[in-house]
Amino acid sequence: MSERKRRAGAGAAAAASASKKPRVSSAASYAESLRSKLRPDASILATLRSLASAASKSKPAGSSSSSASKALAEDEPAANNYIVVADQDSASVTSRINRLVLAAAHSILSGRGFSFAVPSRAASNQVYLPDLDRIVLLRRESARPFANVATARKATITARVLSLVHAVLRRGIHVTKRDLFYTDVKLFGDQAQSDAVLDDVSCMLGCTRSSLHVVASEKGVVVGRLTFADDGDRIDCTRMGVGGKAIPPNIDRVSGIESDALFILLVEKDAAFMRLAEDRFYNRFPCIILTAKGQPDVATRLFLRRLKVELKLPVLALVDSDPYGLKILSVYMCGSKNMSYDSANLTTPDIKWLGVRPSDLDKYRVPEQCRLPMTDHDIKVGKELLEEDFVKQNEGWVKELETMLRTRQKAEIQALSSFGFQYLTEVYLPLKLQQQDWI
């Protein structure tokens, strides 16, 4: 190869390399330029105070207290068409179990054997009601007779769970779902069996699952401008470090909730939660930050609703820009099908989707190398979401989902770290709050 050709080839390679570099630096430069658009914190705080003021004047969605839950069950329109459970004290639940067992005993003595009338929790029996903006369980029952080969084992498990719950309530203690399973491993087979029957029992008794004193293990965490009493112990969530305070599984033992926060920030994942906690984001913009570390558990959903109802604060959500982030957000807002019978107590309506939204990927020029291609399953889930009634109710959600499916790209909250590890707390979220950029 001649010297001239060698130099020409090297020059072309250098030019090609140089042409690629500006695209990355351009995105980084643009991302950094957004920092200059931030107004002083005092101006953003004024916006947040207006938002908090508007939320405090809005009609409360309900209450987590027993009396309010009972009133909700009585006052909801057409409640006779679907099941509405309510918080009940131990004496009331014990009394209902006694009546069920006595009815079974009378049936056996009369020679008819025994059978439980169990509300059907089949998928076809769980529907979204636009007027209530949540998923409910229709009032249909199916028989679970002991004398039938197909249902004998399920009837036995139901009787066993009723017996265990009765014992727990009599002792005045709380146990985990795992504890319940290990009382009779051979009968239950696996925990999914005992968990499913536990939900059946809640429906049968017309009470919330927490009223049975059977809880899930701790999962969710909270940090920020919040103090409350946990079974008498005073907790200050500004002094919980980066890990935050575990959300108590026994929400009924939480009392004395106080806060000077302007909003609640609901975060999908633990990684983003830790970034916000370490940067003390709640001190710059007074807020309460909580996460269920993925799929929301019952305790976190109950805790969020209680904060919303008692403090009357707006709730903003930060989730991944993918179909599963939106599904998680919908569980908090409209409920899940597994717990549709208790949706009145578990849902928090009017959560505002702050980010990360599909339109943000181009708006903030998230680099291509930080975006992920959607899988066939992702696309399937996204299309299914577009068919859901609760999504169709929100035009903004529809547009964002359509953008996601058109571009076939998704991204996690951590994609913003490509502009700097603290870009989320220093630029992205403050700018979102300043622009009131939520749907």
Protein backbone atom coordinates (compact mmCIF):
# COMPACT_ATOMS: atom_id res chain seq x y z
CA MET A 1 0.00 0.00 0.00
CA SER A 2 1.38 3.39 -0.96
CA GLU A 3 2.04 6.04 1.65
CA ARG A 4 -0.64 8.26 0.08
CA LYS A 5 -3.32 5.54 0.34
CA ARG A 6 -2.31 4.71 3.91
CA ARG A 7 -2.68 8.34 4.95
CA ALA A 8 -6.00 8.68 3.14
CA GLY A 9 -7.34 5.59 4.92
CA ALA A 10 -6.18 6.86 8.30
CA GLY A 11 -7.76 10.23 7.61
CA ALA A 12 -11.09 8.64 6.69
CA ALA A 13 -11.07 6.55 9.84
CA ALA A 14 -10.33 9.61 11.96
CA ALA A 15 -13.14 11.54 10.28
CA ALA A 16 -15.57 8.67 10.87
CA SER A 17 -14.53 8.50 14.50
CA ALA A 18 -14.92 12.24 14.92
CA SER A 19 -18.37 12.15 13.36
CA LYS A 20 -19.54 9.66 15.96
CA LYS A 21 -18.32 11.54 19.02
CA PRO A 22 -20.54 14.63 18.81
CA ARG A 23 -23.71 12.56 19.13
CA VAL A 24 -22.72 11.35 22.60
CA SER A 25 -21.25 14.69 23.68
CA SER A 26 -24.26 16.46 22.16
CA ALA A 27 -26.66 14.49 24.36
CA ALA A 28 -24.52 15.11 27.43
CA SER A 29 -24.21 18.79 26.55
CA TYR A 30 -27.97 19.14 26.10
CA ALA A 31 -28.64 17.31 29.35
CA GLU A 32 -26.31 19.67 31.17
CA SER A 33 -27.91 22.69 29.50
CA LEU A 34 -31.22 21.76 31.16
CA ARG A 35 -29.60 22.55 34.49
CA SER A 36 -29.51 26.22 33.49
CA LYS A 37 -33.28 26.16 33.00
CA LEU A 38 -33.86 25.42 36.67
CA ARG A 39 -35.34 28.29 38.61
CA PRO A 40 -34.37 28.90 42.26
CA ASP A 41 -35.66 26.26 44.66
CA ALA A 42 -37.93 28.85 46.28
CA SER A 43 -39.85 29.14 43.01
CA ILE A 44 -40.25 25.36 42.66
CA LEU A 45 -41.34 25.13 46.30
CA ALA A 46 -44.05 27.71 45.63
CA THR A 47 -45.36 25.48 42.83
CA LEU A 48 -45.35 22.49 45.17
CA ARG A 49 -47.19 24.42 47.87
CA SER A 50 -49.92 25.24 45.36
CA LEU A 51 -50.15 21.58 44.42
CA ALA A 52 -50.33 20.52 48.08
CA SER A 53 -52.98 23.16 48.80
CA ALA A 54 -55.15 21.92 45.93
CA ALA A 55 -54.80 18.31 47.14
CA SER A 56 -55.78 19.24 50.70
CA LYS A 57 -59.02 20.77 49.45
CA SER A 58 -59.99 17.82 47.28
CA LYS A 59 -62.55 15.31 48.51
CA PRO A 60 -60.81 12.47 50.39
CA ALA A 61 -60.91 9.09 48.71
CA GLY A 62 -61.81 7.31 51.91
CA SER A 63 -60.27 6.40 55.22
CA SER A 64 -58.35 3.49 56.60
CA SER A 65 -60.13 3.61 59.94
CA SER A 66 -62.64 0.92 60.80
CA SER A 67 -65.62 3.27 61.08
CA ALA A 68 -64.85 4.95 57.76
CA SER A 69 -64.38 1.58 56.04
CA LYS A 70 -67.77 0.42 57.32
CA ALA A 71 -69.37 3.65 56.11
CA LEU A 72 -67.73 3.17 52.74
CA ALA A 73 -69.18 -0.32 52.47
CA GLU A 74 -72.66 0.99 53.25
CA ASP A 75 -72.62 4.17 51.17
CA GLU A 76 -71.03 3.12 47.88
CA PRO A 77 -73.51 3.05 45.00
CA ALA A 78 -74.70 -0.39 43.90
CA ALA A 79 -72.43 -2.03 46.49
CA ASN A 80 -74.84 -4.97 46.51
CA ASN A 81 -73.49 -5.90 43.05
CA TYR A 82 -69.90 -6.33 44.20
CA ILE A 83 -68.06 -7.24 47.36
CA VAL A 84 -66.79 -4.49 49.68
CA VAL A 85 -64.89 -5.70 52.74
CA ALA A 86 -64.14 -3.54 55.77
CA ASP A 87 -61.76 -3.47 58.72
CA GLN A 88 -63.23 -5.43 61.62
CA ASP A 89 -62.06 -5.82 65.20
CA SER A 90 -61.01 -9.25 66.51
CA ALA A 91 -64.29 -9.85 68.36
CA SER A 92 -66.36 -9.27 65.22
CA VAL A 93 -64.22 -11.55 63.04
CA THR A 94 -64.16 -14.27 65.72
CA SER A 95 -67.94 -14.08 65.98
CA ARG A 96 -68.34 -14.50 62.22
CA ILE A 97 -66.04 -17.54 62.23
CA ASN A 98 -68.08 -19.04 65.07
CA ARG A 99 -71.27 -18.61 63.06
CA LEU A 100 -69.72 -20.28 60.01
CA VAL A 101 -68.51 -23.26 62.05
CA LEU A 102 -71.86 -23.63 63.85
CA ALA A 103 -73.67 -23.64 60.51
CA ALA A 104 -71.30 -26.36 59.26
CA ALA A 105 -71.86 -28.40 62.44
CA HIS A 106 -75.66 -28.18 62.09
CA SER A 107 -75.38 -29.28 58.46
CA ILE A 108 -73.26 -32.30 59.41
CA LEU A 109 -75.63 -33.34 62.24
CA SER A 110 -78.59 -33.14 59.88
CA GLY A 111 -76.83 -35.57 57.52
CA ARG A 112 -76.10 -33.13 54.72
CA GLY A 113 -72.36 -32.89 55.29
CA PHE A 114 -70.85 -29.44 55.13
CA SER A 115 -70.05 -26.94 52.43
CA PHE A 116 -68.67 -23.42 52.31
CA ALA A 117 -70.18 -20.70 50.13
CA VAL A 118 -67.11 -18.98 48.74
CA PRO A 119 -67.14 -15.78 46.63
CA SER A 120 -65.81 -16.55 43.16
CA ARG A 121 -62.47 -14.86 42.52
CA ALA A 122 -62.20 -16.06 38.93
CA ALA A 123 -60.72 -13.58 36.44
CA SER A 124 -64.09 -13.25 34.70
CA ASN A 125 -65.62 -12.10 37.98
CA GLN A 126 -63.16 -9.22 38.45
CA VAL A 127 -64.10 -6.06 36.56
CA TYR A 128 -63.03 -2.43 36.37
CA LEU A 129 -65.76 0.08 37.25
CA PRO A 130 -65.08 3.53 35.75
CA ASP A 131 -67.34 5.28 38.27
CA LEU A 132 -65.19 3.98 41.12
CA ASP A 133 -61.95 3.97 39.08
CA ARG A 134 -60.88 0.62 40.46
CA ILE A 135 -61.17 -3.13 39.97
CA VAL A 136 -63.90 -4.84 42.02
CA LEU A 137 -65.04 -8.40 42.69
CA LEU A 138 -68.60 -9.11 41.62
CA ARG A 139 -70.91 -10.76 44.12
CA ARG A 140 -71.06 -14.35 42.87
CA GLU A 141 -70.57 -17.43 45.00
CA SER A 142 -69.58 -21.02 44.37
CA ALA A 143 -70.10 -23.99 46.67
CA ARG A 144 -67.10 -25.79 48.19
CA PRO A 145 -68.55 -29.06 49.58
CA PHE A 146 -66.44 -31.53 51.55
CA ALA A 147 -68.37 -34.48 50.09
CA ASN A 148 -67.24 -33.69 46.53
CA VAL A 149 -63.95 -35.28 45.39
CA ALA A 150 -63.07 -32.18 43.35
CA THR A 151 -63.42 -29.79 46.29
CA ALA A 152 -62.80 -31.98 49.37
CA ARG A 153 -59.18 -30.90 49.81
CA LYS A 154 -59.98 -27.20 49.27
CA ALA A 155 -62.84 -27.44 51.80
CA THR A 156 -60.45 -29.04 54.31
CA ILE A 157 -57.88 -26.28 53.79
CA THR A 158 -60.61 -23.67 54.24
CA ALA A 159 -61.70 -25.22 57.55
CA ARG A 160 -58.06 -25.40 58.69
CA VAL A 161 -57.36 -21.75 57.83
CA LEU A 162 -60.53 -20.65 59.66
CA SER A 163 -59.34 -22.60 62.71
CA LEU A 164 -55.85 -21.04 62.60
CA VAL A 165 -57.16 -17.50 62.15
CA HIS A 166 -59.56 -18.03 65.07
CA ALA A 167 -56.63 -19.11 67.28
CA VAL A 168 -54.51 -16.11 66.23
CA LEU A 169 -57.33 -13.67 66.97
CA ARG A 170 -58.03 -15.25 70.35
CA ARG A 171 -54.37 -14.79 71.31
CA GLY A 172 -54.36 -11.19 70.10
CA ILE A 173 -51.18 -11.64 68.04
CA HIS A 174 -50.13 -11.25 64.40
CA VAL A 175 -48.50 -13.96 62.28
CA THR A 176 -47.03 -13.97 58.78
CA LYS A 177 -48.47 -15.87 55.83
CA ARG A 178 -45.35 -18.03 55.99
CA ASP A 179 -46.08 -18.89 59.64
CA LEU A 180 -49.57 -19.95 58.65
CA PHE A 181 -48.26 -22.19 55.86
CA TYR A 182 -45.81 -24.00 58.15
CA THR A 183 -48.52 -25.02 60.64
CA ASP A 184 -49.62 -27.75 58.20
CA VAL A 185 -47.21 -28.08 55.27
CA LYS A 186 -48.50 -31.50 54.18
CA LEU A 187 -52.10 -30.30 53.95
CA PHE A 188 -51.34 -27.00 52.19
CA GLY A 189 -48.76 -28.45 49.80
CA ASP A 190 -47.32 -25.03 48.92
CA GLN A 191 -47.83 -21.51 50.23
CA ALA A 192 -49.82 -20.44 47.18
CA GLN A 193 -52.61 -22.77 48.39
CA SER A 194 -52.81 -21.33 51.90
CA ASP A 195 -52.46 -17.74 50.59
CA ALA A 196 -55.33 -18.21 48.12
CA VAL A 197 -57.62 -19.70 50.76
CA LEU A 198 -56.70 -16.88 53.14
CA ASP A 199 -58.08 -14.42 50.58
CA ASP A 200 -61.17 -16.62 50.21
CA VAL A 201 -61.69 -16.45 53.98
CA SER A 202 -61.46 -12.65 53.92
CA CYS A 203 -64.20 -12.56 51.28
CA MET A 204 -66.36 -15.03 53.20
CA LEU A 205 -66.09 -13.05 56.43
CA GLY A 206 -66.44 -9.65 54.74
CA CYS A 207 -63.28 -8.29 56.38
CA THR A 208 -59.91 -7.04 55.18
CA ARG A 209 -57.02 -9.47 55.26
CA SER A 210 -55.28 -7.38 57.92
CA SER A 211 -58.34 -7.95 60.13
CA LEU A 212 -57.39 -11.64 60.18
CA HIS A 213 -54.06 -10.67 61.82
CA VAL A 214 -52.15 -12.53 59.08
CA VAL A 215 -49.60 -10.31 57.35
CA ALA A 216 -46.85 -10.58 54.75
CA SER A 217 -43.18 -10.11 55.63
CA GLU A 218 -41.76 -6.59 55.53
CA LYS A 219 -40.94 -5.40 52.02
CA GLY A 220 -41.62 -1.70 51.47
CA VAL A 221 -39.53 1.13 52.95
CA VAL A 222 -40.13 4.82 53.62
CA VAL A 223 -37.89 7.82 54.24
CA GLY A 224 -38.35 11.57 54.45
CA ARG A 225 -40.48 14.14 56.22
CA LEU A 226 -42.65 11.79 58.23
CA THR A 227 -43.02 10.78 61.86
CA PHE A 228 -45.38 8.15 63.26
CA ALA A 229 -45.78 5.72 66.12
CA ASP A 230 -45.19 2.04 65.37
CA ASP A 231 -46.85 0.06 68.18
CA GLY A 232 -46.06 2.92 70.55
CA ASP A 233 -42.47 3.55 69.39
CA ARG A 234 -41.96 6.99 67.82
CA ILE A 235 -40.30 6.83 64.39
CA ASP A 236 -38.62 9.79 62.66
CA CYS A 237 -38.15 8.92 58.99
CA THR A 238 -35.59 11.69 58.43
CA ARG A 239 -33.18 9.71 60.62
CA MET A 240 -33.41 6.33 58.96
CA GLY A 241 -30.27 6.55 56.81
CA VAL A 242 -30.07 5.50 53.18
CA GLY A 243 -32.03 2.28 53.72
CA GLY A 244 -35.10 3.98 55.15
CA LYS A 245 -37.63 2.60 57.64
CA ALA A 246 -39.33 -0.68 56.84
CA ILE A 247 -43.06 -0.18 56.39
CA PRO A 248 -44.73 -2.08 59.25
CA PRO A 249 -46.71 -5.12 58.11
CA ASN A 250 -49.27 -4.38 60.85
CA ILE A 251 -50.61 -1.07 59.57
CA ASP A 252 -53.34 -1.12 62.21
CA ARG A 253 -50.63 -0.49 64.83
CA VAL A 254 -49.45 2.71 63.11
CA SER A 255 -50.71 5.91 64.74
CA GLY A 256 -49.88 9.58 65.25
CA ILE A 257 -48.90 10.27 61.63
CA GLU A 258 -47.37 13.75 61.23
CA SER A 259 -45.59 15.44 58.34
CA ASP A 260 -44.58 18.81 56.92
CA ALA A 261 -44.10 17.32 53.44
CA LEU A 262 -45.56 18.93 50.32
CA PHE A 263 -45.98 15.69 48.38
CA ILE A 264 -45.43 11.94 48.43
CA LEU A 265 -42.95 10.48 45.94
CA LEU A 266 -43.75 6.87 45.06
CA VAL A 267 -40.72 5.08 43.58
CA GLU A 268 -40.79 1.76 41.76
CA LYS A 269 -37.33 0.45 42.60
CA ASP A 270 -34.91 0.29 45.50
CA ALA A 271 -31.95 1.68 43.47
CA ALA A 272 -33.72 4.99 42.75
CA PHE A 273 -34.99 5.11 46.34
CA MET A 274 -31.42 4.83 47.66
CA ARG A 275 -30.23 7.62 45.35
CA LEU A 276 -33.00 9.91 46.59
CA ALA A 277 -32.37 8.98 50.23
CA GLU A 278 -28.59 9.43 50.06
CA ASP A 279 -28.95 12.83 48.37
CA ARG A 280 -31.49 13.84 51.04
CA PHE A 281 -33.87 14.91 48.27
CA TYR A 282 -36.63 15.22 50.90
CA ASN A 283 -34.77 18.09 52.59
CA ARG A 284 -34.41 20.13 49.40
CA PHE A 285 -38.04 19.50 48.40
CA PRO A 286 -40.01 18.42 51.51
CA CYS A 287 -41.54 15.06 50.67
CA ILE A 288 -42.13 11.50 51.80
CA ILE A 289 -40.40 8.87 49.65
CA LEU A 290 -41.53 5.25 49.64
CA THR A 291 -41.06 2.13 47.57
CA ALA A 292 -42.24 -1.47 47.57
CA LYS A 293 -39.06 -2.49 45.70
CA GLY A 294 -40.99 -3.63 42.65
CA GLN A 295 -44.41 -5.26 42.69
CA PRO A 296 -46.39 -3.54 45.48
CA ASP A 297 -47.24 -5.58 48.57
CA VAL A 298 -50.39 -5.12 50.65
CA ALA A 299 -48.67 -3.28 53.53
CA THR A 300 -47.11 -0.66 51.22
CA ARG A 301 -50.42 -0.12 49.41
CA LEU A 302 -52.26 0.27 52.72
CA PHE A 303 -49.59 2.62 54.06
CA LEU A 304 -49.63 4.80 50.93
CA ARG A 305 -53.41 5.08 51.02
CA ARG A 306 -53.34 5.98 54.69
CA LEU A 307 -50.74 8.71 54.12
CA LYS A 308 -52.80 10.08 51.24
CA VAL A 309 -56.03 10.10 53.25
CA GLU A 310 -54.70 11.41 56.57
CA LEU A 311 -52.16 13.94 55.26
CA LYS A 312 -54.12 14.88 52.12
CA LEU A 313 -50.97 15.16 50.04
CA PRO A 314 -50.54 14.74 46.28
CA VAL A 315 -48.79 11.55 45.18
CA LEU A 316 -46.25 11.61 42.33
CA ALA A 317 -44.90 8.37 40.85
CA LEU A 318 -41.44 7.59 39.46
CA VAL A 319 -41.35 4.27 37.57
CA ASP A 320 -39.40 2.68 34.73
CA SER A 321 -40.39 3.55 31.17
CA ASP A 322 -41.67 0.09 30.31
CA PRO A 323 -45.03 -1.75 30.42
CA TYR A 324 -44.27 -3.22 33.85
CA GLY A 325 -43.65 0.20 35.39
CA LEU A 326 -47.10 1.26 34.25
CA LYS A 327 -48.64 -2.00 35.50
CA ILE A 328 -47.12 -1.42 38.93
CA LEU A 329 -48.49 2.13 38.96
CA SER A 330 -51.94 0.84 37.97
CA VAL A 331 -51.94 -1.60 40.91
CA TYR A 332 -51.45 1.29 43.33
CA MET A 333 -54.19 3.31 41.63
CA CYS A 334 -56.85 0.80 40.56
CA GLY A 335 -55.98 -2.37 42.44
CA SER A 336 -54.94 -5.88 41.46
CA LYS A 337 -57.18 -8.74 40.42
CA ASN A 338 -55.86 -10.97 43.22
CA MET A 339 -57.01 -8.46 45.83
CA SER A 340 -60.00 -7.02 43.95
CA TYR A 341 -62.32 -7.78 46.88
CA ASP A 342 -60.36 -5.28 49.02
CA SER A 343 -59.74 -2.62 46.36
CA ALA A 344 -61.69 0.01 48.32
CA ASN A 345 -59.03 -0.10 51.07
CA LEU A 346 -55.93 -0.75 48.96
CA THR A 347 -56.17 1.73 46.10
CA THR A 348 -54.88 5.30 45.99
CA PRO A 349 -56.59 7.19 43.17
CA ASP A 350 -55.22 10.29 41.45
CA ILE A 351 -51.54 9.34 41.50
CA LYS A 352 -49.71 11.53 39.02
CA TRP A 353 -47.26 9.83 36.64
CA LEU A 354 -44.17 12.00 36.95
CA GLY A 355 -41.69 9.81 35.05
CA VAL A 356 -39.83 8.17 33.52
CA ARG A 357 -42.24 8.38 30.59
CA PRO A 358 -41.58 7.15 27.02
CA SER A 359 -41.71 10.75 25.74
CA ASP A 360 -38.92 11.64 28.21
CA LEU A 361 -36.41 9.49 26.34
CA ASP A 362 -36.31 11.93 23.43
CA LYS A 363 -37.16 15.01 25.47
CA TYR A 364 -34.10 14.50 27.68
CA ARG A 365 -32.08 12.93 24.83
CA VAL A 366 -31.33 9.72 26.69
CA PRO A 367 -28.47 8.09 24.71
CA GLU A 368 -29.34 5.14 22.48
CA GLN A 369 -26.91 2.90 24.37
CA CYS A 370 -28.99 3.46 27.53
CA ARG A 371 -32.26 2.42 25.89
CA LEU A 372 -33.31 -1.21 25.61
CA PRO A 373 -35.26 -2.85 22.79
CA MET A 374 -38.66 -4.14 23.87
CA THR A 375 -39.03 -7.91 23.76
CA ASP A 376 -41.99 -9.63 22.13
CA HIS A 377 -43.41 -10.19 25.61
CA ASP A 378 -42.98 -6.49 26.47
CA ILE A 379 -44.89 -5.55 23.32
CA LYS A 380 -47.64 -8.06 24.17
CA VAL A 381 -48.01 -6.62 27.69
CA GLY A 382 -48.03 -3.08 26.30
CA LYS A 383 -50.81 -3.90 23.83
CA GLU A 384 -52.82 -5.60 26.58
CA LEU A 385 -52.50 -2.48 28.72
CA LEU A 386 -53.90 -0.36 25.89
CA GLU A 387 -57.01 -2.55 25.98
CA GLU A 388 -57.54 -2.07 29.72
CA ASP A 389 -60.45 0.21 30.61
CA PHE A 390 -58.50 2.05 33.30
CA VAL A 391 -55.83 2.99 30.72
CA LYS A 392 -58.41 4.14 28.18
CA GLN A 393 -59.76 6.54 30.82
CA ASN A 394 -56.49 8.50 30.73
CA GLU A 395 -55.60 10.03 27.35
CA GLY A 396 -52.08 10.83 28.53
CA TRP A 397 -51.38 7.19 29.40
CA VAL A 398 -52.67 6.08 26.01
CA LYS A 399 -50.35 8.49 24.16
CA GLU A 400 -47.33 7.41 26.20
CA LEU A 401 -48.04 3.72 25.65
CA GLU A 402 -48.50 4.30 21.95
CA THR A 403 -45.15 6.11 21.85
CA MET A 404 -43.50 3.19 23.62
CA LEU A 405 -44.98 0.63 21.22
CA ARG A 406 -44.15 2.74 18.17
CA THR A 407 -40.49 3.22 19.11
CA ARG A 408 -40.23 -0.28 20.66
CA GLN A 409 -37.84 1.13 23.23
CA LYS A 410 -37.84 1.02 27.00
CA ALA A 411 -35.56 2.41 29.70
CA GLU A 412 -35.05 2.17 33.43
CA ILE A 413 -34.85 5.12 35.80
CA GLN A 414 -31.10 4.44 36.03
CA ALA A 415 -30.69 5.40 32.33
CA LEU A 416 -30.54 9.00 33.59
CA SER A 417 -27.28 8.11 35.35
CA SER A 418 -25.58 8.32 31.96
CA PHE A 419 -25.61 12.11 32.53
CA GLY A 420 -24.21 11.75 36.05
CA PHE A 421 -25.11 9.64 39.05
CA GLN A 422 -26.96 12.53 40.71
CA TYR A 423 -28.68 13.82 37.59
CA LEU A 424 -31.96 12.30 38.80
CA THR A 425 -32.02 14.37 41.99
CA GLU A 426 -30.18 17.48 40.78
CA VAL A 427 -31.82 18.10 37.38
CA TYR A 428 -34.46 15.63 36.18
CA LEU A 429 -36.82 15.65 39.16
CA PRO A 430 -36.44 19.37 40.01
CA LEU A 431 -37.17 20.28 36.38
CA LYS A 432 -40.17 17.95 36.30
CA LEU A 433 -41.54 19.57 39.44
CA GLN A 434 -40.84 23.07 38.14
CA GLN A 435 -42.65 22.39 34.86
CA GLN A 436 -45.45 20.44 36.60
CA ASP A 437 -44.72 17.79 34.02
CA TRP A 438 -46.95 14.94 35.16
CA ILE A 439 -50.08 13.20 33.88
